[in-house]
Amino acid sequence: MAKRKPRVGSFVEISVSDGSFAYARVLPNSQLAVYTSRVKPNAQVASKHFLASEVSFVTTVMNSAFRSDKWAVFDWAALEPEFDRPFFYFMHDAISGVYSIYRSTDGAITPASRSECEDLEPAAVWEAEHLDERLRLGAIPAGYFRSTSSST
């Protein structure tokens, strides 16, 4: 039987190609809250450890990412209030130079200035292997997006 997308609130262990494990939480709208904590192989991990952990970033992933053989659901808990809100992502039109902000809960897009977008994640839907690369490098790989800090 094929793996199904885990339900909202599930904890996911992601086997990163550098040999470590990253941990994340499934949020509504195919979003994933990735925790800062990384664990070496064969470590015993409990979901309660992550309930108090810092979230490194929240991003949107392809539904197919949840079926990756490198992703495993290991627990579930109801979402905390901090996750019960819209998340905002920036969009940048490379041709016109126009910036906007995308709201995750309803897909609303509003015009924005470059400075309003600087601390936001890019509006993108990540595949499992691209998220792996980001986790391994500790940053968005060069060339994936135009940075809001670049001159345009």
N, C-alpha and C. Protein backbone atom coordinates (compact mmCIF):
# COMPACT_ATOMS: atom_id res chain seq x y z
N MET A 1 0.84 -1.18 0.00
CA MET A 1 0.00 0.00 0.00
C MET A 1 0.89 1.25 0.00
N ALA A 2 0.54 2.23 -0.80
CA ALA A 2 1.32 3.47 -0.92
C ALA A 2 1.17 4.32 0.34
N LYS A 3 2.24 5.04 0.66
CA LYS A 3 2.19 5.94 1.80
C LYS A 3 1.22 7.07 1.50
N ARG A 4 0.48 7.48 2.51
CA ARG A 4 -0.44 8.61 2.36
C ARG A 4 0.13 9.81 3.08
N LYS A 5 -0.38 10.96 2.70
CA LYS A 5 0.03 12.19 3.37
C LYS A 5 -0.41 12.10 4.84
N PRO A 6 0.50 12.40 5.76
CA PRO A 6 0.13 12.34 7.18
C PRO A 6 -0.85 13.45 7.55
N ARG A 7 -1.58 13.21 8.61
CA ARG A 7 -2.55 14.22 9.03
C ARG A 7 -1.86 15.39 9.71
N VAL A 8 -2.54 16.50 9.71
CA VAL A 8 -2.05 17.72 10.35
C VAL A 8 -1.76 17.42 11.82
N GLY A 9 -0.58 17.83 12.28
CA GLY A 9 -0.15 17.58 13.65
C GLY A 9 0.87 16.45 13.75
N SER A 10 1.06 15.71 12.66
CA SER A 10 2.02 14.60 12.67
C SER A 10 3.45 15.12 12.77
N PHE A 11 4.29 14.36 13.46
CA PHE A 11 5.72 14.63 13.52
C PHE A 11 6.39 13.77 12.46
N VAL A 12 7.31 14.38 11.72
CA VAL A 12 7.97 13.68 10.63
C VAL A 12 9.48 13.70 10.85
N GLU A 13 10.09 12.53 10.70
CA GLU A 13 11.54 12.42 10.74
C GLU A 13 12.02 12.39 9.29
N ILE A 14 12.97 13.26 8.97
CA ILE A 14 13.49 13.35 7.61
C ILE A 14 14.96 12.92 7.63
N SER A 15 15.24 11.85 6.91
CA SER A 15 16.62 11.37 6.79
C SER A 15 17.33 12.24 5.76
N VAL A 16 18.30 13.03 6.23
CA VAL A 16 19.02 13.96 5.37
C VAL A 16 20.24 13.25 4.79
N SER A 17 20.60 13.60 3.57
CA SER A 17 21.68 12.90 2.88
C SER A 17 23.05 13.06 3.54
N ASP A 18 23.19 13.95 4.54
CA ASP A 18 24.47 14.06 5.25
C ASP A 18 24.55 13.07 6.42
N GLY A 19 23.51 12.23 6.59
CA GLY A 19 23.51 11.23 7.65
C GLY A 19 22.78 11.65 8.90
N SER A 20 22.38 12.90 8.99
CA SER A 20 21.64 13.37 10.17
C SER A 20 20.13 13.22 9.92
N PHE A 21 19.36 13.55 10.95
CA PHE A 21 17.91 13.54 10.82
C PHE A 21 17.38 14.90 11.21
N ALA A 22 16.46 15.40 10.40
CA ALA A 22 15.75 16.65 10.70
C ALA A 22 14.34 16.26 11.11
N TYR A 23 13.69 17.13 11.85
CA TYR A 23 12.35 16.84 12.32
C TYR A 23 11.43 18.00 11.98
N ALA A 24 10.19 17.64 11.67
CA ALA A 24 9.24 18.65 11.22
C ALA A 24 7.84 18.28 11.68
N ARG A 25 6.95 19.22 11.53
CA ARG A 25 5.56 19.05 11.93
C ARG A 25 4.68 19.36 10.73
N VAL A 26 3.71 18.53 10.47
CA VAL A 26 2.78 18.75 9.37
C VAL A 26 1.74 19.79 9.79
N LEU A 27 1.62 20.83 8.97
CA LEU A 27 0.67 21.91 9.21
C LEU A 27 -0.39 21.89 8.11
N PRO A 28 -1.45 22.66 8.27
CA PRO A 28 -2.47 22.73 7.21
C PRO A 28 -1.88 23.24 5.89
N ASN A 29 -2.57 22.97 4.81
CA ASN A 29 -2.22 23.47 3.47
C ASN A 29 -0.85 22.98 2.99
N SER A 30 -0.52 21.73 3.30
CA SER A 30 0.75 21.11 2.87
C SER A 30 1.98 21.88 3.35
N GLN A 31 1.84 22.56 4.47
CA GLN A 31 2.97 23.28 5.04
C GLN A 31 3.69 22.37 6.04
N LEU A 32 4.96 22.68 6.24
CA LEU A 32 5.81 21.90 7.12
C LEU A 32 6.61 22.87 7.99
N ALA A 33 6.50 22.72 9.30
CA ALA A 33 7.31 23.50 10.24
C ALA A 33 8.54 22.66 10.55
N VAL A 34 9.71 23.13 10.13
CA VAL A 34 10.95 22.38 10.31
C VAL A 34 11.64 22.89 11.56
N TYR A 35 11.92 21.97 12.48
CA TYR A 35 12.57 22.34 13.74
C TYR A 35 14.06 22.56 13.55
N THR A 36 14.62 23.40 14.39
CA THR A 36 16.05 23.70 14.36
C THR A 36 16.87 22.49 14.76
N SER A 37 16.37 21.69 15.71
CA SER A 37 17.11 20.53 16.22
C SER A 37 17.41 19.52 15.12
N ARG A 38 18.64 19.03 15.12
CA ARG A 38 19.04 17.94 14.22
C ARG A 38 19.57 16.83 15.11
N VAL A 39 19.43 15.59 14.67
CA VAL A 39 19.81 14.44 15.48
C VAL A 39 20.69 13.52 14.65
N LYS A 40 21.68 12.95 15.31
CA LYS A 40 22.56 11.97 14.66
C LYS A 40 21.84 10.63 14.57
N PRO A 41 22.28 9.75 13.67
CA PRO A 41 21.65 8.43 13.54
C PRO A 41 21.63 7.66 14.87
N ASN A 42 20.62 6.83 15.04
CA ASN A 42 20.42 5.95 16.19
C ASN A 42 20.11 6.68 17.50
N ALA A 43 19.76 7.94 17.42
CA ALA A 43 19.36 8.67 18.63
C ALA A 43 17.90 8.37 18.93
N GLN A 44 17.57 8.31 20.19
CA GLN A 44 16.19 8.11 20.60
C GLN A 44 15.51 9.48 20.65
N VAL A 45 14.41 9.62 19.94
CA VAL A 45 13.73 10.91 19.84
C VAL A 45 12.28 10.76 20.26
N ALA A 46 11.81 11.71 21.04
CA ALA A 46 10.41 11.73 21.44
C ALA A 46 9.78 13.03 20.96
N SER A 47 8.54 12.95 20.52
CA SER A 47 7.88 14.14 19.99
C SER A 47 7.80 15.26 21.03
N LYS A 48 7.70 14.92 22.32
CA LYS A 48 7.60 15.96 23.36
C LYS A 48 8.83 16.85 23.37
N HIS A 49 9.98 16.33 22.93
CA HIS A 49 11.19 17.13 22.83
C HIS A 49 10.97 18.31 21.89
N PHE A 50 10.22 18.08 20.81
CA PHE A 50 10.03 19.12 19.80
C PHE A 50 8.94 20.10 20.14
N LEU A 51 8.06 19.73 21.06
CA LEU A 51 6.99 20.65 21.44
C LEU A 51 7.55 21.95 22.01
N ALA A 52 8.74 21.90 22.59
CA ALA A 52 9.38 23.09 23.15
C ALA A 52 10.53 23.60 22.28
N SER A 53 10.75 22.96 21.13
CA SER A 53 11.87 23.33 20.26
C SER A 53 11.53 24.53 19.38
N GLU A 54 12.57 25.19 18.95
CA GLU A 54 12.42 26.33 18.06
C GLU A 54 12.20 25.83 16.63
N VAL A 55 11.33 26.52 15.92
CA VAL A 55 11.09 26.20 14.51
C VAL A 55 12.05 27.04 13.68
N SER A 56 12.78 26.39 12.81
CA SER A 56 13.73 27.06 11.94
C SER A 56 13.02 27.80 10.81
N PHE A 57 12.08 27.12 10.16
CA PHE A 57 11.32 27.75 9.09
C PHE A 57 10.05 26.95 8.82
N VAL A 58 9.09 27.62 8.21
CA VAL A 58 7.86 26.98 7.75
C VAL A 58 7.81 27.17 6.25
N THR A 59 7.56 26.09 5.54
CA THR A 59 7.49 26.15 4.09
C THR A 59 6.42 25.19 3.60
N THR A 60 6.14 25.26 2.33
CA THR A 60 5.15 24.37 1.70
C THR A 60 5.89 23.28 0.93
N VAL A 61 5.39 22.06 1.03
CA VAL A 61 6.03 20.94 0.34
C VAL A 61 5.01 20.24 -0.56
N MET A 62 5.54 19.57 -1.57
CA MET A 62 4.71 18.77 -2.47
C MET A 62 4.09 17.62 -1.68
N ASN A 63 2.88 17.25 -2.01
CA ASN A 63 2.27 16.09 -1.35
C ASN A 63 3.11 14.85 -1.55
N SER A 64 3.79 14.75 -2.69
CA SER A 64 4.64 13.59 -2.96
C SER A 64 5.81 13.50 -1.99
N ALA A 65 6.23 14.62 -1.40
CA ALA A 65 7.34 14.59 -0.44
C ALA A 65 7.00 13.71 0.76
N PHE A 66 5.74 13.73 1.16
CA PHE A 66 5.32 12.92 2.31
C PHE A 66 5.41 11.43 2.03
N ARG A 67 5.48 11.05 0.75
CA ARG A 67 5.59 9.64 0.39
C ARG A 67 7.04 9.21 0.19
N SER A 68 7.98 10.11 0.39
CA SER A 68 9.39 9.80 0.23
C SER A 68 9.80 8.70 1.20
N ASP A 69 10.66 7.81 0.75
CA ASP A 69 11.13 6.75 1.65
C ASP A 69 12.09 7.30 2.70
N LYS A 70 12.49 8.55 2.58
CA LYS A 70 13.36 9.19 3.57
C LYS A 70 12.57 9.96 4.64
N TRP A 71 11.25 9.98 4.51
CA TRP A 71 10.39 10.67 5.46
C TRP A 71 9.55 9.64 6.21
N ALA A 72 9.53 9.72 7.53
CA ALA A 72 8.75 8.78 8.33
C ALA A 72 7.97 9.51 9.42
N VAL A 73 6.70 9.24 9.50
CA VAL A 73 5.87 9.79 10.57
C VAL A 73 6.16 8.98 11.83
N PHE A 74 6.41 9.66 12.96
CA PHE A 74 6.69 8.90 14.17
C PHE A 74 5.79 9.25 15.35
N ASP A 75 4.92 10.24 15.20
CA ASP A 75 4.01 10.57 16.29
C ASP A 75 3.01 11.60 15.80
N TRP A 76 2.05 11.92 16.66
CA TRP A 76 1.04 12.94 16.35
C TRP A 76 0.65 13.63 17.65
N ALA A 77 0.34 14.91 17.55
CA ALA A 77 -0.25 15.67 18.66
C ALA A 77 -1.04 16.82 18.04
N ALA A 78 -2.06 17.25 18.75
CA ALA A 78 -2.83 18.40 18.28
C ALA A 78 -1.89 19.60 18.16
N LEU A 79 -2.14 20.43 17.16
CA LEU A 79 -1.27 21.59 16.95
C LEU A 79 -1.39 22.61 18.08
N GLU A 80 -0.29 23.20 18.42
CA GLU A 80 -0.26 24.27 19.40
C GLU A 80 -0.84 25.55 18.77
N PRO A 81 -1.31 26.48 19.59
CA PRO A 81 -1.89 27.73 19.07
C PRO A 81 -0.95 28.51 18.14
N GLU A 82 0.35 28.41 18.35
CA GLU A 82 1.29 29.16 17.51
C GLU A 82 1.22 28.73 16.04
N PHE A 83 0.72 27.54 15.78
CA PHE A 83 0.60 27.06 14.41
C PHE A 83 -0.79 27.32 13.82
N ASP A 84 -1.72 27.78 14.64
CA ASP A 84 -3.09 28.02 14.21
C ASP A 84 -3.23 29.47 13.74
N ARG A 85 -2.55 29.76 12.65
CA ARG A 85 -2.55 31.11 12.10
C ARG A 85 -2.09 31.04 10.65
N PRO A 86 -2.31 32.11 9.91
CA PRO A 86 -1.76 32.11 8.55
C PRO A 86 -0.24 32.32 8.58
N PHE A 87 0.43 31.74 7.61
CA PHE A 87 1.85 32.01 7.40
C PHE A 87 1.96 32.82 6.12
N PHE A 88 2.97 33.67 6.07
CA PHE A 88 3.13 34.58 4.95
C PHE A 88 4.43 34.28 4.21
N TYR A 89 4.37 34.34 2.89
CA TYR A 89 5.50 34.05 2.02
C TYR A 89 5.65 35.19 1.02
N PHE A 90 6.88 35.46 0.60
CA PHE A 90 7.04 36.51 -0.40
C PHE A 90 7.06 35.95 -1.81
N MET A 91 6.63 36.81 -2.72
CA MET A 91 6.70 36.51 -4.16
C MET A 91 7.42 37.69 -4.81
N HIS A 92 8.23 37.38 -5.80
CA HIS A 92 8.95 38.43 -6.52
C HIS A 92 8.90 38.12 -8.01
N ASP A 93 8.29 39.01 -8.76
CA ASP A 93 8.22 38.85 -10.20
C ASP A 93 9.54 39.33 -10.79
N ALA A 94 10.30 38.41 -11.35
CA ALA A 94 11.64 38.73 -11.86
C ALA A 94 11.59 39.69 -13.05
N ILE A 95 10.50 39.70 -13.79
CA ILE A 95 10.40 40.58 -14.96
C ILE A 95 10.01 42.00 -14.55
N SER A 96 8.94 42.13 -13.79
CA SER A 96 8.46 43.47 -13.41
C SER A 96 9.17 44.02 -12.18
N GLY A 97 9.77 43.12 -11.38
CA GLY A 97 10.42 43.55 -10.14
C GLY A 97 9.44 43.76 -8.99
N VAL A 98 8.17 43.47 -9.21
CA VAL A 98 7.14 43.69 -8.20
C VAL A 98 7.19 42.60 -7.13
N TYR A 99 7.06 43.04 -5.88
CA TYR A 99 7.01 42.13 -4.73
C TYR A 99 5.57 42.03 -4.24
N SER A 100 5.23 40.87 -3.69
CA SER A 100 3.93 40.69 -3.07
C SER A 100 4.06 39.65 -1.96
N ILE A 101 3.02 39.60 -1.14
CA ILE A 101 2.99 38.65 -0.02
C ILE A 101 1.79 37.73 -0.18
N TYR A 102 2.06 36.44 -0.04
CA TYR A 102 1.06 35.39 -0.16
C TYR A 102 0.66 34.93 1.24
N ARG A 103 -0.64 34.85 1.51
CA ARG A 103 -1.15 34.38 2.81
C ARG A 103 -1.61 32.93 2.66
N SER A 104 -1.09 32.05 3.50
CA SER A 104 -1.30 30.61 3.35
C SER A 104 -2.72 30.14 3.57
N THR A 105 -3.48 30.80 4.41
CA THR A 105 -4.80 30.27 4.75
C THR A 105 -5.82 30.40 3.64
N ASP A 106 -5.72 31.46 2.84
CA ASP A 106 -6.73 31.67 1.80
C ASP A 106 -6.15 32.00 0.43
N GLY A 107 -4.82 32.02 0.32
CA GLY A 107 -4.19 32.29 -0.97
C GLY A 107 -4.22 33.75 -1.38
N ALA A 108 -4.60 34.62 -0.48
CA ALA A 108 -4.65 36.05 -0.81
C ALA A 108 -3.25 36.58 -1.09
N ILE A 109 -3.14 37.41 -2.10
CA ILE A 109 -1.86 38.02 -2.48
C ILE A 109 -2.02 39.52 -2.40
N THR A 110 -1.12 40.16 -1.64
CA THR A 110 -1.18 41.61 -1.50
C THR A 110 0.15 42.23 -1.94
N PRO A 111 0.09 43.41 -2.56
CA PRO A 111 1.32 44.09 -2.95
C PRO A 111 2.18 44.37 -1.72
N ALA A 112 3.49 44.38 -1.91
CA ALA A 112 4.41 44.62 -0.79
C ALA A 112 5.66 45.30 -1.31
N SER A 113 6.37 45.89 -0.38
CA SER A 113 7.66 46.46 -0.71
C SER A 113 8.73 45.38 -0.51
N ARG A 114 9.87 45.62 -1.05
CA ARG A 114 10.99 44.68 -0.89
C ARG A 114 11.32 44.50 0.59
N SER A 115 11.32 45.60 1.35
CA SER A 115 11.67 45.50 2.78
C SER A 115 10.64 44.69 3.57
N GLU A 116 9.38 44.71 3.15
CA GLU A 116 8.35 43.92 3.83
C GLU A 116 8.55 42.42 3.61
N CYS A 117 9.29 42.07 2.57
CA CYS A 117 9.49 40.67 2.21
C CYS A 117 10.79 40.08 2.74
N GLU A 118 11.67 40.89 3.27
CA GLU A 118 13.02 40.45 3.60
C GLU A 118 13.10 39.29 4.59
N ASP A 119 12.22 39.19 5.55
CA ASP A 119 12.31 38.12 6.54
C ASP A 119 11.35 36.97 6.27
N LEU A 120 10.73 36.96 5.10
CA LEU A 120 9.77 35.92 4.76
C LEU A 120 10.40 34.82 3.93
N GLU A 121 9.82 33.64 4.01
CA GLU A 121 10.19 32.52 3.15
C GLU A 121 9.66 32.80 1.75
N PRO A 122 10.33 32.29 0.73
CA PRO A 122 9.78 32.43 -0.62
C PRO A 122 8.53 31.57 -0.78
N ALA A 123 7.58 32.05 -1.57
CA ALA A 123 6.39 31.27 -1.89
C ALA A 123 6.82 30.19 -2.88
N ALA A 124 7.04 29.02 -2.38
CA ALA A 124 7.50 27.91 -3.21
C ALA A 124 6.97 26.61 -2.62
N VAL A 125 6.85 25.62 -3.47
CA VAL A 125 6.42 24.30 -3.03
C VAL A 125 7.61 23.37 -3.26
N TRP A 126 8.20 22.88 -2.17
CA TRP A 126 9.44 22.11 -2.22
C TRP A 126 9.19 20.63 -2.46
N GLU A 127 10.03 20.02 -3.28
CA GLU A 127 10.05 18.57 -3.42
C GLU A 127 10.97 18.01 -2.34
N ALA A 128 10.82 16.74 -2.02
CA ALA A 128 11.60 16.13 -0.93
C ALA A 128 13.10 16.30 -1.15
N GLU A 129 13.58 16.05 -2.36
CA GLU A 129 15.03 16.12 -2.59
C GLU A 129 15.56 17.55 -2.51
N HIS A 130 14.75 18.54 -2.84
CA HIS A 130 15.20 19.92 -2.72
C HIS A 130 15.21 20.37 -1.26
N LEU A 131 14.24 19.89 -0.49
CA LEU A 131 14.25 20.20 0.93
C LEU A 131 15.44 19.53 1.60
N ASP A 132 15.78 18.32 1.18
CA ASP A 132 16.96 17.62 1.69
C ASP A 132 18.20 18.47 1.45
N GLU A 133 18.34 19.00 0.25
CA GLU A 133 19.50 19.83 -0.06
C GLU A 133 19.54 21.07 0.82
N ARG A 134 18.40 21.68 1.00
CA ARG A 134 18.34 22.86 1.88
C ARG A 134 18.74 22.51 3.30
N LEU A 135 18.26 21.39 3.80
CA LEU A 135 18.61 20.97 5.17
C LEU A 135 20.09 20.64 5.28
N ARG A 136 20.62 19.98 4.27
CA ARG A 136 22.05 19.61 4.28
C ARG A 136 22.94 20.85 4.24
N LEU A 137 22.57 21.83 3.43
CA LEU A 137 23.37 23.05 3.31
C LEU A 137 23.10 24.06 4.43
N GLY A 138 21.96 23.93 5.09
CA GLY A 138 21.60 24.87 6.14
C GLY A 138 21.07 26.19 5.60
N ALA A 139 20.76 26.23 4.31
CA ALA A 139 20.25 27.45 3.70
C ALA A 139 19.58 27.10 2.38
N ILE A 140 18.88 28.05 1.82
CA ILE A 140 18.31 27.85 0.49
C ILE A 140 19.47 27.83 -0.49
N PRO A 141 19.61 26.77 -1.28
CA PRO A 141 20.74 26.68 -2.22
C PRO A 141 20.77 27.84 -3.21
N ALA A 142 21.95 28.32 -3.51
CA ALA A 142 22.12 29.42 -4.46
C ALA A 142 21.48 29.05 -5.78
N GLY A 143 20.81 30.02 -6.38
CA GLY A 143 20.19 29.81 -7.68
C GLY A 143 18.77 29.31 -7.61
N TYR A 144 18.26 28.93 -6.44
CA TYR A 144 16.88 28.46 -6.35
C TYR A 144 15.90 29.62 -6.51
N PHE A 145 16.21 30.73 -5.88
CA PHE A 145 15.33 31.90 -5.92
C PHE A 145 16.19 33.14 -6.01
N ARG A 146 15.59 34.18 -6.47
CA ARG A 146 16.23 35.48 -6.36
C ARG A 146 16.04 35.95 -4.93
N SER A 147 17.08 36.31 -4.29
CA SER A 147 17.00 36.75 -2.90
C SER A 147 16.41 38.14 -2.82
N THR A 148 15.69 38.41 -1.75
CA THR A 148 15.15 39.76 -1.55
C THR A 148 16.28 40.72 -1.21
N SER A 149 17.46 40.19 -0.92
CA SER A 149 18.58 41.09 -0.59
C SER A 149 19.41 41.41 -1.82
N SER A 150 19.09 40.78 -2.97
CA SER A 150 19.85 41.09 -4.18
C SER A 150 19.36 42.41 -4.78
N SER A 151 20.18 43.00 -5.57
CA SER A 151 19.78 44.27 -6.17
C SER A 151 18.98 44.01 -7.43
N THR A 152 17.74 44.49 -7.43
CA THR A 152 16.87 44.40 -8.59
C THR A 152 16.05 45.65 -8.70
